[in-house]
C-alpha atoms as a PDB file:
ATOM      1  CA  MET A   1      10.846 -16.653 -38.489  1.00  0.00           C
ATOM      2  CA  THR A   2       9.673 -19.854 -37.535  1.00  0.00           C
ATOM      3  CA  ILE A   3       9.684 -22.194 -34.426  1.00  0.00           C
ATOM      4  CA  THR A   4       8.694 -25.785 -34.469  1.00  0.00           C
ATOM      5  CA  TYR A   5       8.426 -27.711 -31.616  1.00  0.00           C
ATOM      6  CA  LEU A   6       9.464 -31.452 -32.102  1.00  0.00           C
ATOM      7  CA  GLY A   7       9.262 -32.645 -28.312  1.00  0.00           C
ATOM      8  CA  HIS A   8      11.459 -32.373 -25.423  1.00  0.00           C
ATOM      9  CA  ALA A   9      14.059 -29.699 -26.324  1.00  0.00           C
ATOM     10  CA  THR A  10      14.332 -30.492 -29.771  1.00  0.00           C
ATOM     11  CA  LEU A  11      13.403 -27.759 -32.417  1.00  0.00           C
ATOM     12  CA  LEU A  12      12.947 -26.240 -35.705  1.00  0.00           C
ATOM     13  CA  VAL A  13      13.818 -22.679 -36.321  1.00  0.00           C
ATOM     14  CA  GLU A  14      13.770 -21.313 -39.688  1.00  0.00           C
ATOM     15  CA  MET A  15      15.116 -18.064 -40.037  1.00  0.00           C
ATOM     16  CA  ASN A  16      16.165 -16.041 -42.728  1.00  0.00           C
ATOM     17  CA  ASP A  17      15.122 -19.224 -45.113  1.00  0.00           C
ATOM     18  CA  LYS A  18      17.724 -21.490 -43.071  1.00  0.00           C
ATOM     19  CA  LYS A  19      16.566 -24.524 -41.109  1.00  0.00           C
ATOM     20  CA  ILE A  20      18.274 -24.458 -37.812  1.00  0.00           C
ATOM     21  CA  MET A  21      17.815 -27.611 -35.636  1.00  0.00           C
ATOM     22  CA  PHE A  22      18.086 -27.766 -31.920  1.00  0.00           C
ATOM     23  CA  ASP A  23      19.393 -30.808 -29.592  1.00  0.00           C
ATOM     24  CA  PRO A  24      17.617 -33.458 -31.847  1.00  0.00           C
ATOM     25  CA  PHE A  25      15.992 -36.176 -29.768  1.00  0.00           C
ATOM     26  CA  ILE A  26      13.104 -37.612 -31.743  1.00  0.00           C
ATOM     27  CA  SER A  27      13.684 -41.508 -32.336  1.00  0.00           C
ATOM     28  CA  GLY A  28      14.377 -42.201 -28.125  1.00  0.00           C
ATOM     29  CA  ASN A  29      11.058 -40.252 -27.272  1.00  0.00           C
ATOM     30  CA  GLU A  30       7.902 -41.932 -27.753  1.00  0.00           C
ATOM     31  CA  MET A  31       5.896 -38.501 -27.217  1.00  0.00           C
ATOM     32  CA  ALA A  32       7.641 -37.689 -30.801  1.00  0.00           C
ATOM     33  CA  SER A  33       6.701 -40.826 -32.647  1.00  0.00           C
ATOM     34  CA  ASP A  34       4.822 -39.147 -35.270  1.00  0.00           C
ATOM     35  CA  ILE A  35       7.990 -37.531 -36.439  1.00  0.00           C
ATOM     36  CA  ASP A  36       9.719 -38.574 -39.250  1.00  0.00           C
ATOM     37  CA  ILE A  37      13.314 -37.958 -38.567  1.00  0.00           C
ATOM     38  CA  ASP A  38      14.475 -38.856 -42.274  1.00  0.00           C
ATOM     39  CA  SER A  39      12.239 -36.503 -43.781  1.00  0.00           C
ATOM     40  CA  LEU A  40      13.969 -33.754 -41.628  1.00  0.00           C
ATOM     41  CA  GLU A  41      15.975 -30.950 -43.777  1.00  0.00           C
ATOM     42  CA  VAL A  42      18.256 -28.925 -41.732  1.00  0.00           C
ATOM     43  CA  ASP A  43      20.796 -26.285 -42.461  1.00  0.00           C
ATOM     44  CA  TYR A  44      22.520 -26.438 -39.154  1.00  0.00           C
ATOM     45  CA  ILE A  45      22.253 -28.465 -35.951  1.00  0.00           C
ATOM     46  CA  PHE A  46      22.919 -26.536 -32.658  1.00  0.00           C
ATOM     47  CA  LEU A  47      23.780 -28.537 -29.428  1.00  0.00           C
ATOM     48  CA  THR A  48      23.471 -27.077 -25.910  1.00  0.00           C
ATOM     49  CA  HIS A  49      25.141 -29.812 -24.013  1.00  0.00           C
ATOM     50  CA  GLY A  50      26.240 -33.123 -24.807  1.00  0.00           C
ATOM     51  CA  HIS A  51      23.724 -35.427 -22.702  1.00  0.00           C
ATOM     52  CA  GLN A  52      22.133 -38.052 -24.655  1.00  0.00           C
ATOM     53  CA  ASP A  53      18.297 -36.781 -24.888  1.00  0.00           C
ATOM     54  CA  HIS A  54      19.882 -33.667 -26.607  1.00  0.00           C
ATOM     55  CA  VAL A  55      22.097 -35.484 -29.061  1.00  0.00           C
ATOM     56  CA  LEU A  56      20.706 -38.949 -29.300  1.00  0.00           C
ATOM     57  CA  ASP A  57      19.943 -38.361 -33.428  1.00  0.00           C
ATOM     58  CA  VAL A  58      22.639 -36.033 -34.363  1.00  0.00           C
ATOM     59  CA  GLU A  59      24.085 -38.790 -36.568  1.00  0.00           C
ATOM     60  CA  THR A  60      21.568 -39.805 -38.237  1.00  0.00           C
ATOM     61  CA  ILE A  61      20.450 -36.406 -39.035  1.00  0.00           C
ATOM     62  CA  ALA A  62      23.667 -35.217 -40.099  1.00  0.00           C
ATOM     63  CA  LYS A  63      23.934 -38.065 -42.412  1.00  0.00           C
ATOM     64  CA  ASN A  64      20.410 -37.202 -44.050  1.00  0.00           C
ATOM     65  CA  ASN A  65      22.297 -33.801 -44.574  1.00  0.00           C
ATOM     66  CA  PRO A  66      25.610 -33.791 -45.420  1.00  0.00           C
ATOM     67  CA  LYS A  67      25.883 -30.180 -46.071  1.00  0.00           C
ATOM     68  CA  ALA A  68      24.505 -29.339 -42.628  1.00  0.00           C
ATOM     69  CA  LEU A  69      26.953 -27.633 -39.919  1.00  0.00           C
ATOM     70  CA  LEU A  70      27.080 -28.611 -36.432  1.00  0.00           C
ATOM     71  CA  VAL A  71      27.362 -25.607 -33.735  1.00  0.00           C
ATOM     72  CA  SER A  72      28.272 -26.292 -30.207  1.00  0.00           C
ATOM     73  CA  ASN A  73      31.120 -25.879 -27.592  1.00  0.00           C
ATOM     74  CA  PHE A  74      34.618 -26.949 -28.676  1.00  0.00           C
ATOM     75  CA  GLU A  75      34.592 -30.069 -26.623  1.00  0.00           C
ATOM     76  CA  ILE A  76      31.323 -31.086 -28.204  1.00  0.00           C
ATOM     77  CA  ILE A  77      32.443 -30.131 -31.633  1.00  0.00           C
ATOM     78  CA  THR A  78      35.919 -32.520 -31.458  1.00  0.00           C
ATOM     79  CA  TRP A  79      34.006 -35.417 -30.001  1.00  0.00           C
ATOM     80  CA  PHE A  80      31.241 -35.472 -33.613  1.00  0.00           C
ATOM     81  CA  GLY A  81      34.371 -34.517 -35.417  1.00  0.00           C
ATOM     82  CA  GLU A  82      35.577 -37.742 -35.084  1.00  0.00           C
ATOM     83  CA  LYS A  83      32.836 -38.970 -36.054  1.00  0.00           C
ATOM     84  CA  ASN A  84      33.200 -37.188 -39.689  1.00  0.00           C
ATOM     85  CA  ILE A  85      30.620 -34.634 -38.512  1.00  0.00           C
ATOM     86  CA  LYS A  86      32.076 -31.001 -39.669  1.00  0.00           C
ATOM     87  CA  GLY A  87      31.440 -28.446 -36.864  1.00  0.00           C
ATOM     88  CA  HIS A  88      32.005 -25.246 -35.788  1.00  0.00           C
ATOM     89  CA  PRO A  89      33.152 -24.672 -32.240  1.00  0.00           C
ATOM     90  CA  MET A  90      32.430 -21.856 -30.428  1.00  0.00           C
ATOM     91  CA  ASN A  91      32.784 -20.940 -26.012  1.00  0.00           C
ATOM     92  CA  HIS A  92      30.410 -18.715 -23.519  1.00  0.00           C
ATOM     93  CA  GLY A  93      30.334 -15.164 -24.452  1.00  0.00           C
ATOM     94  CA  GLY A  94      31.309 -15.238 -28.246  1.00  0.00           C
ATOM     95  CA  LYS A  95      29.565 -14.684 -31.310  1.00  0.00           C
ATOM     96  CA  TYR A  96      29.619 -15.537 -34.607  1.00  0.00           C
ATOM     97  CA  ASP A  97      27.976 -14.509 -37.915  1.00  0.00           C
ATOM     98  CA  PHE A  98      26.400 -17.323 -39.858  1.00  0.00           C
ATOM     99  CA  ASP A  99      24.391 -16.682 -43.185  1.00  0.00           C
ATOM    100  CA  PHE A 100      21.094 -16.702 -41.094  1.00  0.00           C
ATOM    101  CA  GLY A 101      22.437 -14.296 -38.629  1.00  0.00           C
ATOM    102  CA  THR A 102      24.282 -14.209 -35.430  1.00  0.00           C
ATOM    103  CA  ALA A 103      24.560 -16.586 -33.009  1.00  0.00           C
ATOM    104  CA  LYS A 104      25.663 -15.835 -29.573  1.00  0.00           C
ATOM    105  CA  TYR A 105      26.729 -18.492 -26.895  1.00  0.00           C
ATOM    106  CA  VAL A 106      25.757 -17.685 -23.488  1.00  0.00           C
ATOM    107  CA  THR A 107      25.969 -19.445 -20.197  1.00  0.00           C
ATOM    108  CA  ALA A 108      23.522 -22.509 -18.854  1.00  0.00           C
ATOM    109  CA  ILE A 109      23.997 -23.680 -15.245  1.00  0.00           C
ATOM    110  CA  HIS A 110      23.890 -27.930 -15.757  1.00  0.00           C
ATOM    111  CA  SER A 111      26.095 -30.713 -16.636  1.00  0.00           C
ATOM    112  CA  SER A 112      27.331 -31.896 -19.863  1.00  0.00           C
ATOM    113  CA  THR A 113      28.444 -35.402 -20.462  1.00  0.00           C
ATOM    114  CA  LEU A 114      28.658 -37.008 -23.742  1.00  0.00           C
ATOM    115  CA  PRO A 115      26.906 -40.451 -24.160  1.00  0.00           C
ATOM    116  CA  ASP A 116      30.153 -42.420 -23.948  1.00  0.00           C
ATOM    117  CA  GLY A 117      30.866 -40.818 -20.951  1.00  0.00           C
ATOM    118  CA  SER A 118      33.541 -38.138 -22.462  1.00  0.00           C
ATOM    119  CA  ASN A 119      33.808 -34.476 -21.186  1.00  0.00           C
ATOM    120  CA  GLY A 120      30.844 -32.593 -23.030  1.00  0.00           C
ATOM    121  CA  GLY A 121      32.479 -29.088 -21.787  1.00  0.00           C
ATOM    122  CA  ASN A 122      30.184 -26.949 -20.361  1.00  0.00           C
ATOM    123  CA  PRO A 123      26.570 -26.727 -21.233  1.00  0.00           C
ATOM    124  CA  GLY A 124      25.437 -23.572 -22.977  1.00  0.00           C
ATOM    125  CA  GLY A 125      22.461 -21.737 -24.697  1.00  0.00           C
ATOM    126  CA  PHE A 126      22.478 -19.775 -27.795  1.00  0.00           C
ATOM    127  CA  VAL A 127      20.925 -15.836 -28.936  1.00  0.00           C
ATOM    128  CA  LEU A 128      20.086 -15.953 -32.728  1.00  0.00           C
ATOM    129  CA  TYR A 129      19.161 -12.567 -33.913  1.00  0.00           C
ATOM    130  CA  ASN A 130      19.553 -10.691 -37.242  1.00  0.00           C
ATOM    131  CA  GLU A 131      18.093  -7.384 -38.302  1.00  0.00           C
ATOM    132  CA  SER A 132      14.132  -9.115 -38.116  1.00  0.00           C
ATOM    133  CA  ASN A 133      14.000 -11.471 -34.941  1.00  0.00           C
ATOM    134  CA  SER A 134      16.064 -12.464 -32.158  1.00  0.00           C
ATOM    135  CA  ILE A 135      15.493 -15.685 -30.313  1.00  0.00           C
ATOM    136  CA  TYR A 136      16.740 -17.003 -26.964  1.00  0.00           C
ATOM    137  CA  ILE A 137      17.116 -20.865 -26.686  1.00  0.00           C
ATOM    138  CA  ALA A 138      18.324 -21.301 -23.269  1.00  0.00           C
ATOM    139  CA  GLY A 139      18.727 -24.862 -23.458  1.00  0.00           C
ATOM    140  CA  ASP A 140      18.835 -27.014 -20.180  1.00  0.00           C
ATOM    141  CA  THR A 141      19.390 -24.716 -17.194  1.00  0.00           C
ATOM    142  CA  ALA A 142      18.961 -23.529 -13.962  1.00  0.00           C
ATOM    143  CA  LEU A 143      17.881 -19.886 -13.054  1.00  0.00           C
ATOM    144  CA  THR A 144      20.815 -17.729 -13.242  1.00  0.00           C
ATOM    145  CA  MET A 145      21.550 -13.889 -12.868  1.00  0.00           C
ATOM    146  CA  ASP A 146      23.964 -14.310 -16.033  1.00  0.00           C
ATOM    147  CA  MET A 147      20.595 -14.391 -17.931  1.00  0.00           C
ATOM    148  CA  GLU A 148      20.544 -10.306 -16.946  1.00  0.00           C
ATOM    149  CA  LEU A 149      23.709  -9.926 -19.400  1.00  0.00           C
ATOM    150  CA  ILE A 150      20.995 -11.129 -22.620  1.00  0.00           C
ATOM    151  CA  SER A 151      19.276  -7.742 -22.886  1.00  0.00           C
ATOM    152  CA  LYS A 152      22.670  -6.108 -22.256  1.00  0.00           C
ATOM    153  CA  THR A 153      24.644  -8.066 -24.690  1.00  0.00           C
ATOM    154  CA  CYS A 154      21.730  -8.878 -27.736  1.00  0.00           C
ATOM    155  CA  PRO A 155      19.206  -7.165 -29.831  1.00  0.00           C
ATOM    156  CA  LYS A 156      15.476  -7.022 -27.911  1.00  0.00           C
ATOM    157  CA  LEU A 157      14.039 -10.667 -27.866  1.00  0.00           C
ATOM    158  CA  ASP A 158      11.028 -11.677 -30.044  1.00  0.00           C
ATOM    159  CA  ILE A 159      10.710 -14.790 -28.013  1.00  0.00           C
ATOM    160  CA  ALA A 160      12.566 -17.089 -25.504  1.00  0.00           C
ATOM    161  CA  VAL A 161      12.642 -20.930 -25.014  1.00  0.00           C
ATOM    162  CA  LEU A 162      13.086 -22.215 -21.592  1.00  0.00           C
ATOM    163  CA  PRO A 163      12.973 -25.113 -19.771  1.00  0.00           C
ATOM    164  CA  ILE A 164       9.784 -25.516 -17.587  1.00  0.00           C
ATOM    165  CA  GLY A 165      10.309 -29.647 -16.120  1.00  0.00           C
ATOM    166  CA  ASP A 166      11.851 -28.964 -12.841  1.00  0.00           C
ATOM    167  CA  ASN A 167      13.968 -31.658 -10.954  1.00  0.00           C
ATOM    168  CA  PHE A 168      16.797 -31.409 -13.762  1.00  0.00           C
ATOM    169  CA  THR A 169      16.423 -27.815 -15.209  1.00  0.00           C
ATOM    170  CA  MET A 170      14.480 -24.805 -13.432  1.00  0.00           C
ATOM    171  CA  GLY A 171      10.926 -25.267 -13.485  1.00  0.00           C
ATOM    172  CA  TYR A 172       8.033 -22.632 -14.501  1.00  0.00           C
ATOM    173  CA  GLU A 173       8.178 -20.641 -11.410  1.00  0.00           C
ATOM    174  CA  ASP A 174      11.966 -19.750 -11.851  1.00  0.00           C
ATOM    175  CA  ALA A 175      11.147 -19.387 -15.550  1.00  0.00           C
ATOM    176  CA  ALA A 176       8.874 -16.640 -15.116  1.00  0.00           C
ATOM    177  CA  ILE A 177      11.743 -14.829 -12.766  1.00  0.00           C
ATOM    178  CA  ALA A 178      14.089 -15.966 -15.911  1.00  0.00           C
ATOM    179  CA  SER A 179      11.585 -14.197 -18.170  1.00  0.00           C
ATOM    180  CA  ASP A 180      12.085 -10.938 -16.595  1.00  0.00           C
ATOM    181  CA  PHE A 181      15.971 -11.264 -16.413  1.00  0.00           C
ATOM    182  CA  ILE A 182      15.801 -11.600 -20.165  1.00  0.00           C
ATOM    183  CA  ALA A 183      13.215  -9.049 -20.487  1.00  0.00           C
ATOM    184  CA  CYS A 184      10.809 -11.321 -22.587  1.00  0.00           C
ATOM    185  CA  ASP A 185       7.488 -11.976 -21.687  1.00  0.00           C
ATOM    186  CA  GLU A 186       6.530 -14.433 -25.192  1.00  0.00           C
ATOM    187  CA  ILE A 187       7.723 -17.873 -23.363  1.00  0.00           C
ATOM    188  CA  ILE A 188       7.893 -21.312 -25.186  1.00  0.00           C
ATOM    189  CA  GLY A 189       8.235 -24.095 -22.734  1.00  0.00           C
ATOM    190  CA  CYS A 190      10.228 -27.074 -23.279  1.00  0.00           C
ATOM    191  CA  HIS A 191      11.752 -29.765 -21.377  1.00  0.00           C
ATOM    192  CA  TYR A 192       8.763 -30.958 -19.722  1.00  0.00           C
ATOM    193  CA  ASP A 193       6.529 -34.474 -19.309  1.00  0.00           C
ATOM    194  CA  THR A 194       8.665 -36.421 -21.493  1.00  0.00           C
ATOM    195  CA  PHE A 195       9.642 -38.673 -18.621  1.00  0.00           C
ATOM    196  CA  PRO A 196       8.415 -38.859 -15.037  1.00  0.00           C
ATOM    197  CA  PRO A 197      10.606 -36.647 -12.690  1.00  0.00           C
ATOM    198  CA  ILE A 198       9.793 -33.597 -15.452  1.00  0.00           C
ATOM    199  CA  LYS A 199       5.918 -34.312 -15.514  1.00  0.00           C
ATOM    200  CA  ILE A 200       4.351 -30.521 -15.051  1.00  0.00           C
ATOM    201  CA  ASP A 201       0.632 -29.514 -14.238  1.00  0.00           C
ATOM    202  CA  LYS A 202       0.340 -27.503 -17.765  1.00  0.00           C
ATOM    203  CA  VAL A 203      -3.058 -25.822 -17.037  1.00  0.00           C
ATOM    204  CA  LYS A 204      -1.110 -24.428 -13.632  1.00  0.00           C
ATOM    205  CA  ALA A 205       1.917 -23.431 -15.341  1.00  0.00           C
ATOM    206  CA  VAL A 206       0.217 -21.247 -18.408  1.00  0.00           C
ATOM    207  CA  GLU A 207      -1.641 -19.541 -15.495  1.00  0.00           C
ATOM    208  CA  PHE A 208       1.108 -18.994 -13.130  1.00  0.00           C
ATOM    209  CA  PHE A 209       2.713 -16.917 -16.028  1.00  0.00           C
ATOM    210  CA  ASN A 210      -0.926 -15.235 -17.080  1.00  0.00           C
ATOM    211  CA  LYS A 211      -1.243 -14.001 -13.740  1.00  0.00           C
ATOM    212  CA  LYS A 212       2.470 -12.372 -14.239  1.00  0.00           C
ATOM    213  CA  GLY A 213       1.317 -10.503 -17.240  1.00  0.00           C
ATOM    214  CA  LYS A 214       3.346 -13.014 -19.535  1.00  0.00           C
ATOM    215  CA  LYS A 215       2.222 -15.716 -21.621  1.00  0.00           C
ATOM    216  CA  LEU A 216       3.656 -19.442 -21.632  1.00  0.00           C
ATOM    217  CA  MET A 217       3.568 -21.358 -25.074  1.00  0.00           C
ATOM    218  CA  LEU A 218       3.086 -25.092 -25.082  1.00  0.00           C
ATOM    219  CA  PRO A 219       2.785 -26.345 -28.401  1.00  0.00           C
ATOM    220  CA  ASP A 220       1.811 -29.737 -29.516  1.00  0.00           C
ATOM    221  CA  ILE A 221       4.660 -31.910 -30.725  1.00  0.00           C
ATOM    222  CA  GLY A 222       5.201 -30.716 -34.654  1.00  0.00           C
ATOM    223  CA  GLU A 223       2.954 -27.520 -33.997  1.00  0.00           C
ATOM    224  CA  SER A 224       4.865 -24.262 -35.120  1.00  0.00           C
ATOM    225  CA  ILE A 225       4.753 -20.740 -33.840  1.00  0.00           C
ATOM    226  CA  THR A 226       5.531 -17.758 -36.737  1.00  0.00           C
ATOM    227  CA  ILE A 227       6.938 -14.766 -35.460  1.00  0.00           C
END
């Protein structure tokens, strides 16, 4: 499994020879200006919630990848379905077997409104797993005790992607607690530095995790991590 960080909360996960995009926000992110959005090849687009900084480039990527399947909650899939983007709806606690493995839709504590003000349903996160790997992408979320259910209902995680920017989501201090709840000490941080309210001291954040015997990875935009 390979995870490529594309800035903000945008990820490209390669699992079982399938390319799975999460929360595409590239064209609106100056920090990701070196990423050529038109060259991205994907089989799936997963959306954790409806905010513009997570769905901005869905239509472009879907147009460039007409066979790609959109996966999110019912409200978001319905909204993009009206734009002729095919999708698979899910909801909290449910899981579904895709050709790359299983995806389980899990709780996130946040808000979710689509760019035109439409209801984006309840936000969520995803655990993706197969016989080889397991990864949790939390989406935008506060720290929640529901995270403890992940280790009880899913295979042991190899790695997790958690927001650490504070203000709109949990900060890195709460993310360290979240890593305890999900029983995973290998964390990729996301949703930080893109906008002034979520700028962080990256050195301090990494040291905070180190002191707790955990590893916080903050890859450069475009950098890949292989599990």
